[in-house]
Amino acid sequence: MGDPEEGEVELAPVKQISASKVDMMGPIPYTALQALADPLNPPHLNNHWKNQFMDDLKDETVEAVRKYFLTSTSPISELHFEYVGKGVSEVSEEENTFGHRKAKWIVNIVVKWDDPRHTEANVS
């Protein structure tokens, strides 16, 4: 979702945190990125997603989302803070059906549960 060379520059400080034996950070096709979560989403699970596109990710926002997430009754729920940067904004909103192109972050709260009897508790 952006220039690979710019990504390398941005990730350089992260890669220097420890001496890793394997570096798996790098460009991948978007469809491969989407498929990474497939094993975490078997067909029998119920899902309820809440998301927000954000320009900035402030400390108070992270804390509010964290507190909300910690109230989840399901231990298999997920919280995603996805940095999309400026790569998506290089195409105007009028050029295709995806809006929110100026947002730098996508925050997803994904509640999952397997027993349909727990639906109301998980979507409230």
Protein backbone atom coordinates (compact mmCIF):
# COMPACT_ATOMS: atom_id res chain seq x y z
CA MET A 1 0.00 0.00 0.00
CA GLY A 2 2.77 2.34 -0.91
CA ASP A 3 6.24 2.68 -2.33
CA PRO A 4 8.37 -0.35 -1.28
CA GLU A 5 11.51 1.77 -0.97
CA GLU A 6 9.70 4.21 1.31
CA GLY A 7 8.47 1.24 3.33
CA GLU A 8 12.03 0.02 3.83
CA VAL A 9 13.01 3.43 5.17
CA GLU A 10 10.00 3.49 7.53
CA LEU A 11 10.63 -0.06 8.79
CA ALA A 12 14.39 0.36 9.30
CA PRO A 13 14.06 1.42 12.98
CA VAL A 14 11.75 -1.53 13.70
CA LYS A 15 14.16 -3.98 12.09
CA GLN A 16 17.01 -2.66 14.27
CA ILE A 17 15.21 -3.38 17.55
CA SER A 18 16.68 -6.88 17.80
CA ALA A 19 18.96 -9.17 15.87
CA SER A 20 16.35 -11.34 14.16
CA LYS A 21 17.31 -14.62 12.59
CA VAL A 22 14.59 -14.25 9.96
CA ASP A 23 13.27 -11.03 8.43
CA MET A 24 9.87 -11.65 6.87
CA MET A 25 8.94 -7.99 6.38
CA GLY A 26 8.67 -6.94 2.78
CA PRO A 27 6.32 -6.35 -0.11
CA ILE A 28 3.65 -8.94 -0.86
CA PRO A 29 0.70 -8.92 -3.25
CA TYR A 30 -2.46 -7.42 -1.73
CA THR A 31 -4.39 -10.67 -2.27
CA ALA A 32 -1.72 -12.56 -0.32
CA LEU A 33 -2.05 -10.02 2.50
CA GLN A 34 -5.81 -10.57 2.60
CA ALA A 35 -5.40 -14.37 2.63
CA LEU A 36 -3.09 -14.34 5.68
CA ALA A 37 -6.07 -14.29 8.02
CA ASP A 38 -7.97 -17.15 6.35
CA PRO A 39 -6.90 -19.80 8.92
CA LEU A 40 -8.19 -17.53 11.71
CA ASN A 41 -11.65 -17.34 10.16
CA PRO A 42 -13.09 -20.82 9.72
CA PRO A 43 -16.60 -20.93 8.23
CA HIS A 44 -18.39 -21.90 11.48
CA LEU A 45 -17.43 -18.80 13.48
CA ASN A 46 -19.83 -15.91 14.00
CA ASN A 47 -18.28 -12.47 13.44
CA HIS A 48 -19.16 -8.91 14.38
CA TRP A 49 -16.86 -6.15 13.08
CA LYS A 50 -16.62 -2.52 14.08
CA ASN A 51 -14.17 -0.31 12.22
CA GLN A 52 -13.15 3.27 11.86
CA PHE A 53 -10.98 5.09 9.35
CA MET A 54 -8.78 7.65 11.12
CA ASP A 55 -6.39 10.40 10.11
CA ASP A 56 -4.37 10.17 13.33
CA LEU A 57 -4.01 7.57 16.04
CA LYS A 58 -3.86 9.47 19.33
CA ASP A 59 -3.05 7.90 22.70
CA GLU A 60 -6.55 8.57 24.04
CA THR A 61 -8.06 6.86 20.99
CA VAL A 62 -5.89 3.78 21.47
CA GLU A 63 -6.85 3.67 25.17
CA ALA A 64 -10.58 4.00 24.43
CA VAL A 65 -10.44 1.21 21.84
CA ARG A 66 -8.39 -0.96 24.20
CA LYS A 67 -10.93 -0.52 27.02
CA TYR A 68 -13.80 -1.39 24.67
CA PHE A 69 -11.96 -4.44 23.37
CA LEU A 70 -11.20 -5.72 26.89
CA THR A 71 -14.95 -5.92 27.57
CA SER A 72 -15.36 -8.56 24.86
CA THR A 73 -16.84 -11.78 26.18
CA SER A 74 -15.04 -13.86 23.54
CA PRO A 75 -11.40 -14.91 23.96
CA ILE A 76 -10.94 -15.29 20.19
CA SER A 77 -11.67 -11.68 19.34
CA GLU A 78 -9.12 -9.48 17.56
CA LEU A 79 -8.03 -5.87 17.56
CA HIS A 80 -6.28 -4.45 14.49
CA PHE A 81 -4.54 -1.12 14.06
CA GLU A 82 -3.68 -1.05 10.35
CA TYR A 83 -1.49 1.70 8.98
CA VAL A 84 -2.36 2.38 5.37
CA GLY A 85 -0.23 5.48 4.99
CA LYS A 86 -0.46 7.59 1.92
CA GLY A 87 -0.42 4.84 -0.72
CA VAL A 88 -4.21 4.55 -0.86
CA SER A 89 -4.62 8.31 -1.10
CA GLU A 90 -2.74 8.42 -4.40
CA VAL A 91 -5.98 7.39 -6.14
CA SER A 92 -8.89 9.81 -5.80
CA GLU A 93 -12.16 8.71 -4.21
CA GLU A 94 -13.92 9.44 -7.50
CA GLU A 95 -11.79 6.91 -9.42
CA ASN A 96 -13.26 3.84 -7.72
CA THR A 97 -15.75 2.66 -5.10
CA PHE A 98 -13.47 2.76 -2.05
CA GLY A 99 -13.73 5.98 -0.05
CA HIS A 100 -11.82 7.12 3.04
CA ARG A 101 -8.66 7.49 0.98
CA LYS A 102 -7.25 10.26 3.14
CA ALA A 103 -7.32 8.17 6.33
CA LYS A 104 -3.94 6.90 7.47
CA TRP A 105 -5.27 4.28 9.88
CA ILE A 106 -7.98 1.64 9.93
CA VAL A 107 -9.00 0.40 13.37
CA ASN A 108 -10.91 -2.91 13.43
CA ILE A 109 -12.49 -4.59 16.43
CA VAL A 110 -13.42 -8.12 15.41
CA VAL A 111 -15.52 -10.13 17.86
CA LYS A 112 -15.76 -13.85 17.09
CA TRP A 113 -17.67 -16.62 18.82
CA ASP A 114 -18.71 -20.13 17.95
CA ASP A 115 -21.97 -20.62 19.89
CA PRO A 116 -24.92 -18.77 18.30
CA ARG A 117 -26.53 -18.51 21.76
CA HIS A 118 -23.84 -15.93 22.63
CA THR A 119 -24.68 -13.60 19.74
CA GLU A 120 -26.43 -10.89 21.77
CA ALA A 121 -23.60 -10.68 24.30
CA ASN A 122 -21.01 -10.37 21.54
CA VAL A 123 -22.67 -7.72 19.41
CA SER A 124 -23.81 -5.36 22.17
